[in-house]
N, C-alpha and C. Protein backbone atom coordinates (compact mmCIF):
# COMPACT_ATOMS: atom_id res chain seq x y z
N MET A 1 0.84 -1.19 0.00
CA MET A 1 0.00 0.00 0.00
C MET A 1 0.88 1.24 0.00
N ASN A 2 0.88 1.91 -1.10
CA ASN A 2 1.65 3.15 -1.24
C ASN A 2 0.68 4.32 -1.34
N LEU A 3 -0.07 4.54 -0.30
CA LEU A 3 -1.11 5.56 -0.31
C LEU A 3 -0.55 6.97 -0.43
N GLU A 4 0.46 7.30 0.34
CA GLU A 4 0.96 8.67 0.35
C GLU A 4 1.45 9.15 -1.02
N PRO A 5 2.23 8.37 -1.77
CA PRO A 5 2.64 8.84 -3.10
C PRO A 5 1.44 9.01 -4.05
N LYS A 6 0.44 8.15 -3.91
CA LYS A 6 -0.75 8.28 -4.76
C LYS A 6 -1.50 9.57 -4.43
N LEU A 7 -1.64 9.85 -3.14
CA LEU A 7 -2.32 11.08 -2.73
C LEU A 7 -1.54 12.31 -3.19
N ALA A 8 -0.22 12.26 -3.06
CA ALA A 8 0.62 13.39 -3.51
C ALA A 8 0.45 13.60 -5.01
N SER A 9 0.39 12.52 -5.76
CA SER A 9 0.21 12.61 -7.21
C SER A 9 -1.15 13.22 -7.55
N ILE A 10 -2.18 12.78 -6.85
CA ILE A 10 -3.53 13.32 -7.09
C ILE A 10 -3.55 14.81 -6.79
N ILE A 11 -3.00 15.19 -5.65
CA ILE A 11 -3.00 16.60 -5.24
C ILE A 11 -2.24 17.45 -6.26
N LYS A 12 -1.15 16.92 -6.78
CA LYS A 12 -0.34 17.68 -7.74
C LYS A 12 -0.99 17.71 -9.12
N GLU A 13 -1.49 16.58 -9.59
CA GLU A 13 -1.93 16.46 -10.98
C GLU A 13 -3.37 16.91 -11.25
N LEU A 14 -4.25 16.83 -10.26
CA LEU A 14 -5.64 17.17 -10.51
C LEU A 14 -5.82 18.62 -10.99
N PRO A 15 -5.25 19.61 -10.32
CA PRO A 15 -5.43 20.99 -10.81
C PRO A 15 -4.88 21.17 -12.23
N ASN A 16 -3.74 20.53 -12.52
CA ASN A 16 -3.15 20.64 -13.86
C ASN A 16 -4.08 20.03 -14.90
N ALA A 17 -4.62 18.87 -14.60
CA ALA A 17 -5.50 18.19 -15.55
C ALA A 17 -6.76 19.01 -15.82
N VAL A 18 -7.33 19.57 -14.76
CA VAL A 18 -8.55 20.35 -14.91
C VAL A 18 -8.27 21.65 -15.66
N MET A 19 -7.22 22.36 -15.25
CA MET A 19 -6.89 23.64 -15.90
C MET A 19 -6.54 23.46 -17.37
N ALA A 20 -5.83 22.38 -17.68
CA ALA A 20 -5.43 22.12 -19.06
C ALA A 20 -6.57 21.54 -19.88
N GLY A 21 -7.62 21.06 -19.20
CA GLY A 21 -8.71 20.40 -19.93
C GLY A 21 -8.21 19.15 -20.63
N ASP A 22 -7.30 18.44 -20.00
CA ASP A 22 -6.63 17.29 -20.60
C ASP A 22 -7.30 16.00 -20.13
N SER A 23 -8.00 15.33 -21.04
CA SER A 23 -8.73 14.11 -20.66
C SER A 23 -7.80 12.97 -20.27
N VAL A 24 -6.63 12.88 -20.89
CA VAL A 24 -5.68 11.82 -20.56
C VAL A 24 -5.15 12.03 -19.13
N LYS A 25 -4.75 13.26 -18.83
CA LYS A 25 -4.26 13.55 -17.48
C LYS A 25 -5.36 13.32 -16.43
N LEU A 26 -6.57 13.74 -16.75
CA LEU A 26 -7.67 13.54 -15.82
C LEU A 26 -7.95 12.05 -15.65
N GLY A 27 -7.84 11.30 -16.73
CA GLY A 27 -7.99 9.84 -16.64
C GLY A 27 -6.94 9.23 -15.73
N ASN A 28 -5.72 9.72 -15.82
CA ASN A 28 -4.64 9.23 -14.95
C ASN A 28 -4.92 9.56 -13.48
N VAL A 29 -5.47 10.74 -13.23
CA VAL A 29 -5.82 11.13 -11.87
C VAL A 29 -6.94 10.21 -11.36
N ARG A 30 -7.90 9.91 -12.22
CA ARG A 30 -9.00 9.02 -11.82
C ARG A 30 -8.46 7.64 -11.45
N VAL A 31 -7.55 7.10 -12.25
CA VAL A 31 -6.95 5.80 -11.95
C VAL A 31 -6.22 5.86 -10.61
N ALA A 32 -5.46 6.92 -10.40
CA ALA A 32 -4.75 7.07 -9.12
C ALA A 32 -5.73 7.17 -7.96
N ALA A 33 -6.84 7.87 -8.16
CA ALA A 33 -7.85 7.99 -7.10
C ALA A 33 -8.48 6.63 -6.80
N ASP A 34 -8.77 5.86 -7.84
CA ASP A 34 -9.33 4.52 -7.63
C ASP A 34 -8.35 3.62 -6.87
N GLU A 35 -7.08 3.70 -7.24
CA GLU A 35 -6.06 2.91 -6.54
C GLU A 35 -5.90 3.37 -5.10
N ALA A 36 -5.93 4.67 -4.88
CA ALA A 36 -5.82 5.21 -3.52
C ALA A 36 -7.01 4.79 -2.68
N LEU A 37 -8.19 4.77 -3.27
CA LEU A 37 -9.38 4.32 -2.57
C LEU A 37 -9.22 2.87 -2.11
N GLY A 38 -8.67 2.03 -2.96
CA GLY A 38 -8.39 0.66 -2.57
C GLY A 38 -7.43 0.59 -1.40
N ASP A 39 -6.41 1.44 -1.43
CA ASP A 39 -5.45 1.48 -0.32
C ASP A 39 -6.12 1.94 0.97
N VAL A 40 -7.00 2.94 0.88
CA VAL A 40 -7.70 3.42 2.07
C VAL A 40 -8.52 2.28 2.67
N ARG A 41 -9.19 1.53 1.82
CA ARG A 41 -9.99 0.40 2.32
C ARG A 41 -9.10 -0.63 3.02
N GLU A 42 -7.92 -0.86 2.48
CA GLU A 42 -6.99 -1.79 3.11
C GLU A 42 -6.51 -1.25 4.46
N PHE A 43 -6.29 0.04 4.54
CA PHE A 43 -5.91 0.65 5.82
C PHE A 43 -7.03 0.48 6.85
N VAL A 44 -8.27 0.66 6.42
CA VAL A 44 -9.41 0.48 7.33
C VAL A 44 -9.45 -0.96 7.81
N GLN A 45 -9.32 -1.90 6.89
CA GLN A 45 -9.32 -3.31 7.27
C GLN A 45 -8.22 -3.61 8.29
N ALA A 46 -7.03 -3.11 8.02
CA ALA A 46 -5.90 -3.36 8.92
C ALA A 46 -6.12 -2.71 10.29
N ALA A 47 -6.66 -1.49 10.29
CA ALA A 47 -6.87 -0.77 11.54
C ALA A 47 -7.93 -1.44 12.41
N GLN A 48 -8.89 -2.09 11.78
CA GLN A 48 -9.98 -2.70 12.54
C GLN A 48 -9.82 -4.21 12.71
N GLN A 49 -8.75 -4.74 12.18
CA GLN A 49 -8.54 -6.19 12.19
C GLN A 49 -8.70 -6.80 13.58
N GLN A 50 -8.00 -6.28 14.56
CA GLN A 50 -8.02 -6.87 15.90
C GLN A 50 -9.41 -6.78 16.53
N GLN A 51 -10.03 -5.61 16.42
CA GLN A 51 -11.37 -5.45 16.98
C GLN A 51 -12.36 -6.40 16.30
N MET A 52 -12.24 -6.53 14.99
CA MET A 52 -13.15 -7.39 14.26
C MET A 52 -12.93 -8.86 14.61
N GLN A 53 -11.70 -9.25 14.87
CA GLN A 53 -11.44 -10.63 15.28
C GLN A 53 -12.13 -10.93 16.60
N THR A 54 -12.10 -9.97 17.53
CA THR A 54 -12.79 -10.14 18.81
C THR A 54 -14.29 -10.30 18.58
N VAL A 55 -14.85 -9.46 17.73
CA VAL A 55 -16.28 -9.52 17.41
C VAL A 55 -16.61 -10.87 16.78
N ILE A 56 -15.81 -11.29 15.82
CA ILE A 56 -16.06 -12.56 15.13
C ILE A 56 -16.02 -13.73 16.12
N THR A 57 -15.06 -13.70 17.01
CA THR A 57 -14.95 -14.76 18.03
C THR A 57 -16.21 -14.80 18.89
N LYS A 58 -16.67 -13.64 19.33
CA LYS A 58 -17.88 -13.59 20.17
C LYS A 58 -19.10 -14.10 19.40
N LEU A 59 -19.22 -13.70 18.14
CA LEU A 59 -20.35 -14.15 17.34
C LEU A 59 -20.31 -15.66 17.15
N ASN A 60 -19.12 -16.20 16.90
CA ASN A 60 -18.98 -17.65 16.73
C ASN A 60 -19.30 -18.41 18.01
N GLN A 61 -19.15 -17.74 19.15
CA GLN A 61 -19.48 -18.35 20.44
C GLN A 61 -20.92 -18.03 20.86
N ASP A 62 -21.69 -17.47 19.92
CA ASP A 62 -23.09 -17.13 20.14
C ASP A 62 -23.28 -16.16 21.30
N GLN A 63 -22.38 -15.19 21.41
CA GLN A 63 -22.46 -14.17 22.46
C GLN A 63 -22.95 -12.86 21.87
N ALA A 64 -23.69 -12.12 22.67
CA ALA A 64 -24.12 -10.78 22.27
C ALA A 64 -22.91 -9.84 22.29
N LEU A 65 -22.99 -8.81 21.48
CA LEU A 65 -21.92 -7.82 21.43
C LEU A 65 -22.19 -6.68 22.40
N THR A 66 -21.14 -6.06 22.88
CA THR A 66 -21.28 -4.85 23.68
C THR A 66 -21.67 -3.70 22.75
N THR A 67 -22.08 -2.61 23.34
CA THR A 67 -22.42 -1.42 22.54
C THR A 67 -21.21 -0.95 21.74
N ASP A 68 -20.03 -0.97 22.35
CA ASP A 68 -18.80 -0.56 21.65
C ASP A 68 -18.49 -1.51 20.49
N GLU A 69 -18.67 -2.78 20.70
CA GLU A 69 -18.41 -3.76 19.63
C GLU A 69 -19.41 -3.59 18.49
N ALA A 70 -20.65 -3.33 18.84
CA ALA A 70 -21.67 -3.07 17.82
C ALA A 70 -21.32 -1.82 17.02
N ALA A 71 -20.76 -0.81 17.68
CA ALA A 71 -20.34 0.41 16.98
C ALA A 71 -19.20 0.12 16.01
N VAL A 72 -18.31 -0.79 16.38
CA VAL A 72 -17.22 -1.19 15.48
C VAL A 72 -17.79 -1.88 14.25
N VAL A 73 -18.77 -2.75 14.47
CA VAL A 73 -19.42 -3.44 13.34
C VAL A 73 -20.10 -2.42 12.43
N GLU A 74 -20.79 -1.46 13.03
CA GLU A 74 -21.45 -0.42 12.24
C GLU A 74 -20.44 0.34 11.40
N ASP A 75 -19.35 0.76 12.03
CA ASP A 75 -18.33 1.50 11.29
C ASP A 75 -17.75 0.66 10.16
N PHE A 76 -17.57 -0.62 10.43
CA PHE A 76 -17.00 -1.50 9.42
C PHE A 76 -17.94 -1.66 8.24
N PHE A 77 -19.24 -1.80 8.51
CA PHE A 77 -20.21 -2.01 7.44
C PHE A 77 -20.57 -0.72 6.70
N VAL A 78 -20.76 0.38 7.43
CA VAL A 78 -21.31 1.58 6.79
C VAL A 78 -20.54 2.86 7.05
N GLY A 79 -19.39 2.80 7.70
CA GLY A 79 -18.62 4.01 7.98
C GLY A 79 -18.27 4.78 6.73
N ASP A 80 -17.88 4.06 5.68
CA ASP A 80 -17.53 4.73 4.42
C ASP A 80 -18.75 5.39 3.78
N ALA A 81 -19.89 4.71 3.85
CA ALA A 81 -21.11 5.27 3.26
C ALA A 81 -21.57 6.51 4.02
N GLU A 82 -21.46 6.47 5.35
CA GLU A 82 -21.84 7.64 6.15
C GLU A 82 -20.92 8.82 5.85
N ALA A 83 -19.63 8.56 5.70
CA ALA A 83 -18.69 9.65 5.39
C ALA A 83 -18.98 10.21 3.99
N TYR A 84 -19.28 9.33 3.04
CA TYR A 84 -19.58 9.79 1.68
C TYR A 84 -20.84 10.65 1.66
N MET A 85 -21.89 10.19 2.34
CA MET A 85 -23.13 10.96 2.35
C MET A 85 -22.95 12.32 3.01
N LYS A 86 -22.12 12.37 4.02
CA LYS A 86 -21.86 13.63 4.71
C LYS A 86 -21.08 14.60 3.81
N ALA A 87 -20.15 14.07 3.04
CA ALA A 87 -19.28 14.91 2.21
C ALA A 87 -19.92 15.32 0.89
N GLU A 88 -20.81 14.50 0.37
CA GLU A 88 -21.38 14.75 -0.95
C GLU A 88 -22.33 15.94 -0.90
N ASN A 89 -22.14 16.87 -1.85
CA ASN A 89 -22.98 18.07 -1.84
C ASN A 89 -23.64 18.37 -3.19
N ASN A 90 -23.69 17.38 -4.07
CA ASN A 90 -24.26 17.62 -5.40
C ASN A 90 -25.59 16.92 -5.63
N VAL A 91 -26.15 16.31 -4.62
CA VAL A 91 -27.34 15.48 -4.81
C VAL A 91 -28.50 16.28 -5.41
N GLU A 92 -28.78 17.44 -4.88
CA GLU A 92 -29.91 18.23 -5.40
C GLU A 92 -29.63 18.67 -6.84
N GLU A 93 -28.38 19.00 -7.14
CA GLU A 93 -28.03 19.35 -8.52
C GLU A 93 -28.26 18.18 -9.46
N TRP A 94 -27.90 16.96 -9.02
CA TRP A 94 -28.11 15.77 -9.85
C TRP A 94 -29.61 15.55 -10.10
N LYS A 95 -30.42 15.72 -9.06
CA LYS A 95 -31.86 15.54 -9.22
C LYS A 95 -32.43 16.56 -10.20
N THR A 96 -32.00 17.80 -10.05
CA THR A 96 -32.45 18.86 -10.95
C THR A 96 -32.02 18.57 -12.38
N GLU A 97 -30.78 18.13 -12.56
CA GLU A 97 -30.26 17.83 -13.89
C GLU A 97 -31.02 16.65 -14.51
N LEU A 98 -31.33 15.65 -13.71
CA LEU A 98 -32.08 14.50 -14.26
C LEU A 98 -33.49 14.90 -14.67
N LYS A 99 -34.11 15.80 -13.91
CA LYS A 99 -35.43 16.31 -14.31
C LYS A 99 -35.33 17.06 -15.64
N ARG A 100 -34.28 17.89 -15.77
CA ARG A 100 -34.09 18.63 -17.01
C ARG A 100 -33.85 17.67 -18.17
N LEU A 101 -33.00 16.68 -17.95
CA LEU A 101 -32.69 15.72 -19.01
C LEU A 101 -33.92 14.89 -19.40
N HIS A 102 -34.78 14.62 -18.44
CA HIS A 102 -36.02 13.92 -18.75
C HIS A 102 -36.81 14.68 -19.80
N GLY A 103 -36.94 15.99 -19.59
CA GLY A 103 -37.66 16.82 -20.56
C GLY A 103 -36.97 16.87 -21.91
N VAL A 104 -35.64 16.98 -21.89
CA VAL A 104 -34.87 17.02 -23.15
C VAL A 104 -35.03 15.71 -23.92
N VAL A 105 -34.89 14.60 -23.23
CA VAL A 105 -35.03 13.29 -23.91
C VAL A 105 -36.45 13.09 -24.41
N ARG A 106 -37.44 13.52 -23.64
CA ARG A 106 -38.83 13.41 -24.09
C ARG A 106 -39.03 14.22 -25.39
N THR A 107 -38.52 15.44 -25.43
CA THR A 107 -38.64 16.27 -26.62
C THR A 107 -37.90 15.67 -27.81
N LEU A 108 -36.67 15.20 -27.56
CA LEU A 108 -35.88 14.61 -28.65
C LEU A 108 -36.49 13.29 -29.13
N THR A 109 -37.15 12.57 -28.23
CA THR A 109 -37.84 11.34 -28.64
C THR A 109 -38.98 11.68 -29.60
N GLN A 110 -39.71 12.74 -29.32
CA GLN A 110 -40.78 13.17 -30.22
C GLN A 110 -40.21 13.57 -31.58
N ARG A 111 -39.08 14.28 -31.55
CA ARG A 111 -38.43 14.66 -32.82
C ARG A 111 -37.95 13.42 -33.57
N PHE A 112 -37.44 12.43 -32.83
CA PHE A 112 -36.99 11.19 -33.46
C PHE A 112 -38.16 10.46 -34.11
N GLN A 113 -39.29 10.43 -33.42
CA GLN A 113 -40.47 9.75 -33.97
C GLN A 113 -40.96 10.44 -35.24
N ALA A 114 -40.80 11.76 -35.29
CA ALA A 114 -41.22 12.52 -36.47
C ALA A 114 -40.23 12.38 -37.62
N ASN A 115 -38.93 12.28 -37.29
CA ASN A 115 -37.91 12.20 -38.34
C ASN A 115 -36.70 11.43 -37.82
N PRO A 116 -36.73 10.08 -37.92
CA PRO A 116 -35.65 9.26 -37.37
C PRO A 116 -34.31 9.40 -38.10
N ASN A 117 -34.31 10.12 -39.21
CA ASN A 117 -33.07 10.28 -39.98
C ASN A 117 -32.40 11.63 -39.77
N ASP A 118 -32.87 12.41 -38.82
CA ASP A 118 -32.30 13.72 -38.53
C ASP A 118 -31.00 13.51 -37.73
N ILE A 119 -29.89 13.60 -38.40
CA ILE A 119 -28.59 13.30 -37.80
C ILE A 119 -28.27 14.25 -36.65
N LYS A 120 -28.52 15.53 -36.84
CA LYS A 120 -28.23 16.50 -35.77
C LYS A 120 -29.02 16.15 -34.51
N MET A 121 -30.30 15.83 -34.68
CA MET A 121 -31.14 15.46 -33.54
C MET A 121 -30.61 14.19 -32.89
N LEU A 122 -30.17 13.22 -33.69
CA LEU A 122 -29.63 11.97 -33.14
C LEU A 122 -28.38 12.23 -32.30
N HIS A 123 -27.54 13.15 -32.75
CA HIS A 123 -26.36 13.52 -31.96
C HIS A 123 -26.77 14.17 -30.63
N GLU A 124 -27.76 15.06 -30.71
CA GLU A 124 -28.26 15.70 -29.49
C GLU A 124 -28.85 14.66 -28.54
N LEU A 125 -29.61 13.72 -29.10
CA LEU A 125 -30.21 12.66 -28.29
C LEU A 125 -29.11 11.81 -27.64
N GLY A 126 -28.11 11.46 -28.40
CA GLY A 126 -27.00 10.67 -27.86
C GLY A 126 -26.26 11.41 -26.75
N ALA A 127 -26.01 12.69 -26.95
CA ALA A 127 -25.33 13.49 -25.93
C ALA A 127 -26.18 13.59 -24.67
N SER A 128 -27.48 13.79 -24.84
CA SER A 128 -28.38 13.88 -23.68
C SER A 128 -28.45 12.56 -22.93
N LEU A 129 -28.48 11.46 -23.67
CA LEU A 129 -28.51 10.14 -23.03
C LEU A 129 -27.20 9.86 -22.30
N GLN A 130 -26.09 10.30 -22.86
CA GLN A 130 -24.81 10.12 -22.18
C GLN A 130 -24.78 10.92 -20.88
N ASP A 131 -25.25 12.16 -20.93
CA ASP A 131 -25.30 13.00 -19.74
C ASP A 131 -26.24 12.38 -18.70
N LEU A 132 -27.38 11.89 -19.15
CA LEU A 132 -28.33 11.25 -18.26
C LEU A 132 -27.69 10.02 -17.59
N SER A 133 -26.97 9.23 -18.36
CA SER A 133 -26.31 8.04 -17.82
C SER A 133 -25.29 8.40 -16.75
N GLN A 134 -24.43 9.37 -17.03
CA GLN A 134 -23.39 9.76 -16.08
C GLN A 134 -23.99 10.36 -14.80
N THR A 135 -25.00 11.19 -14.96
CA THR A 135 -25.63 11.81 -13.80
C THR A 135 -26.37 10.76 -12.97
N SER A 136 -27.00 9.81 -13.65
CA SER A 136 -27.70 8.72 -12.95
C SER A 136 -26.74 7.89 -12.13
N ILE A 137 -25.56 7.63 -12.67
CA ILE A 137 -24.55 6.85 -11.94
C ILE A 137 -24.18 7.55 -10.64
N SER A 138 -23.98 8.85 -10.71
CA SER A 138 -23.61 9.60 -9.50
C SER A 138 -24.71 9.53 -8.45
N LEU A 139 -25.94 9.79 -8.86
CA LEU A 139 -27.06 9.76 -7.92
C LEU A 139 -27.30 8.33 -7.42
N MET A 140 -27.17 7.35 -8.30
CA MET A 140 -27.37 5.96 -7.91
C MET A 140 -26.36 5.54 -6.84
N PHE A 141 -25.10 5.94 -6.99
CA PHE A 141 -24.08 5.60 -6.01
C PHE A 141 -24.43 6.19 -4.65
N PHE A 142 -24.88 7.44 -4.64
CA PHE A 142 -25.30 8.09 -3.40
C PHE A 142 -26.47 7.34 -2.77
N LEU A 143 -27.47 7.00 -3.57
CA LEU A 143 -28.65 6.32 -3.05
C LEU A 143 -28.31 4.91 -2.56
N GLN A 144 -27.37 4.25 -3.19
CA GLN A 144 -26.93 2.94 -2.72
C GLN A 144 -26.26 3.06 -1.35
N ALA A 145 -25.48 4.09 -1.15
CA ALA A 145 -24.87 4.32 0.16
C ALA A 145 -25.96 4.55 1.20
N LYS A 146 -26.94 5.35 0.86
CA LYS A 146 -28.06 5.61 1.77
C LYS A 146 -28.81 4.32 2.08
N ASP A 147 -29.08 3.52 1.07
CA ASP A 147 -29.79 2.26 1.26
C ASP A 147 -29.01 1.31 2.18
N ARG A 148 -27.69 1.27 2.00
CA ARG A 148 -26.85 0.39 2.82
C ARG A 148 -26.93 0.83 4.30
N ILE A 149 -26.90 2.12 4.52
CA ILE A 149 -27.02 2.63 5.90
C ILE A 149 -28.40 2.31 6.46
N ASP A 150 -29.45 2.55 5.68
CA ASP A 150 -30.81 2.27 6.14
C ASP A 150 -30.99 0.79 6.47
N GLN A 151 -30.46 -0.09 5.63
CA GLN A 151 -30.55 -1.53 5.88
C GLN A 151 -29.82 -1.90 7.17
N PHE A 152 -28.64 -1.32 7.38
CA PHE A 152 -27.89 -1.63 8.58
C PHE A 152 -28.63 -1.15 9.82
N LYS A 153 -29.24 0.02 9.74
CA LYS A 153 -29.96 0.58 10.89
C LYS A 153 -31.09 -0.35 11.33
N LEU A 154 -31.73 -1.02 10.38
CA LEU A 154 -32.79 -1.97 10.72
C LEU A 154 -32.24 -3.16 11.52
N TYR A 155 -31.03 -3.51 11.24
CA TYR A 155 -30.37 -4.68 11.82
C TYR A 155 -29.60 -4.35 13.09
N GLN A 156 -29.20 -3.11 13.22
CA GLN A 156 -28.26 -2.66 14.24
C GLN A 156 -28.69 -3.00 15.66
N GLY A 157 -29.92 -2.77 16.02
CA GLY A 157 -30.37 -2.99 17.38
C GLY A 157 -30.27 -4.44 17.83
N ARG A 158 -30.25 -5.34 16.89
CA ARG A 158 -30.21 -6.76 17.21
C ARG A 158 -28.81 -7.22 17.59
N LEU A 159 -27.79 -6.40 17.35
CA LEU A 159 -26.41 -6.83 17.61
C LEU A 159 -26.10 -6.97 19.09
N THR A 160 -26.73 -6.17 19.93
CA THR A 160 -26.36 -6.15 21.34
C THR A 160 -27.32 -6.92 22.23
N SER A 161 -28.37 -7.44 21.70
CA SER A 161 -29.34 -8.16 22.51
C SER A 161 -29.25 -9.65 22.20
N SER A 162 -28.89 -10.43 23.19
CA SER A 162 -28.66 -11.86 22.96
C SER A 162 -29.94 -12.58 22.53
N GLY A 163 -31.08 -12.07 22.89
CA GLY A 163 -32.32 -12.76 22.53
C GLY A 163 -32.81 -12.49 21.12
N ASP A 164 -32.31 -11.46 20.49
CA ASP A 164 -32.83 -11.07 19.19
C ASP A 164 -32.15 -11.74 18.00
N MET A 165 -31.00 -12.31 18.20
CA MET A 165 -30.27 -12.95 17.10
C MET A 165 -30.09 -14.42 17.41
N CYS A 166 -30.45 -15.25 16.47
CA CYS A 166 -30.24 -16.67 16.69
C CYS A 166 -28.79 -17.04 16.33
N LYS A 167 -28.40 -18.23 16.71
CA LYS A 167 -27.03 -18.68 16.50
C LYS A 167 -26.64 -18.63 15.02
N GLU A 168 -27.55 -19.03 14.16
CA GLU A 168 -27.27 -19.04 12.71
C GLU A 168 -27.03 -17.63 12.19
N GLU A 169 -27.79 -16.66 12.70
CA GLU A 169 -27.61 -15.27 12.29
C GLU A 169 -26.25 -14.74 12.74
N ARG A 170 -25.87 -15.08 13.97
CA ARG A 170 -24.56 -14.65 14.48
C ARG A 170 -23.44 -15.26 13.64
N GLN A 171 -23.59 -16.53 13.30
CA GLN A 171 -22.56 -17.18 12.48
C GLN A 171 -22.54 -16.59 11.07
N GLY A 172 -23.71 -16.26 10.54
CA GLY A 172 -23.76 -15.62 9.22
C GLY A 172 -23.08 -14.26 9.24
N LEU A 173 -23.34 -13.49 10.29
CA LEU A 173 -22.69 -12.19 10.43
C LEU A 173 -21.18 -12.37 10.57
N SER A 174 -20.78 -13.35 11.37
CA SER A 174 -19.36 -13.65 11.55
C SER A 174 -18.70 -13.97 10.20
N GLN A 175 -19.37 -14.79 9.41
CA GLN A 175 -18.81 -15.15 8.09
C GLN A 175 -18.73 -13.94 7.18
N SER A 176 -19.75 -13.08 7.22
CA SER A 176 -19.72 -11.86 6.40
C SER A 176 -18.57 -10.96 6.80
N LEU A 177 -18.39 -10.79 8.10
CA LEU A 177 -17.29 -9.94 8.59
C LEU A 177 -15.95 -10.51 8.20
N MET A 178 -15.78 -11.83 8.32
CA MET A 178 -14.51 -12.45 7.95
C MET A 178 -14.25 -12.27 6.46
N ALA A 179 -15.28 -12.44 5.66
CA ALA A 179 -15.10 -12.27 4.20
C ALA A 179 -14.72 -10.82 3.88
N MET A 180 -15.33 -9.87 4.57
CA MET A 180 -15.01 -8.47 4.33
C MET A 180 -13.58 -8.15 4.77
N LEU A 181 -13.16 -8.74 5.87
CA LEU A 181 -11.80 -8.49 6.37
C LEU A 181 -10.74 -9.00 5.41
N THR A 182 -11.05 -10.06 4.69
CA THR A 182 -10.04 -10.69 3.82
C THR A 182 -10.23 -10.31 2.36
N SER A 183 -11.25 -9.56 2.04
CA SER A 183 -11.54 -9.22 0.65
C SER A 183 -10.76 -7.99 0.19
N SER A 184 -10.24 -8.06 -1.01
CA SER A 184 -9.59 -6.88 -1.58
C SER A 184 -10.62 -5.93 -2.20
N ASP A 185 -11.87 -6.40 -2.35
CA ASP A 185 -12.92 -5.58 -2.95
C ASP A 185 -13.68 -4.74 -1.94
N PHE A 186 -13.47 -5.01 -0.65
CA PHE A 186 -14.18 -4.27 0.39
C PHE A 186 -13.65 -2.87 0.46
């Protein structure tokens, strides 16, 4: 994990790529950001390894978790999503843009139905659909983070009460945590 050099590269290269309007440079920054994100996830796994092993052991022994242990599980499952939702500030803009694009695509669809061979209109339709796709991805990622947090909140109260979780559920949670601890995709 070489996180610091990746972060230094991102900090140095992002302003240059944006100012120059250079798609190749911006693509390189994106790759570096994706790699750095993977490193951050590995750091989180390593930092929580010992605490998670304790939690996994207790779950395998069919024991209820303490409030602190449940908080560790929460952070492990949804800490990244909570941080993302807190930091993200474009959600309303994405919703507004998708509403606008809905109208544009509806209008261009009518034009397409009237004249499917209008090349200029087809280019406009393609550009609008591309914009719609990219904006949808951003909003979808945000909503998936929200959904993950909401799902966890439904489950969260059951972590500390020994009567609410059966042995199979504790073992299933233990297996999920172990898989997340050892996964490079987490």
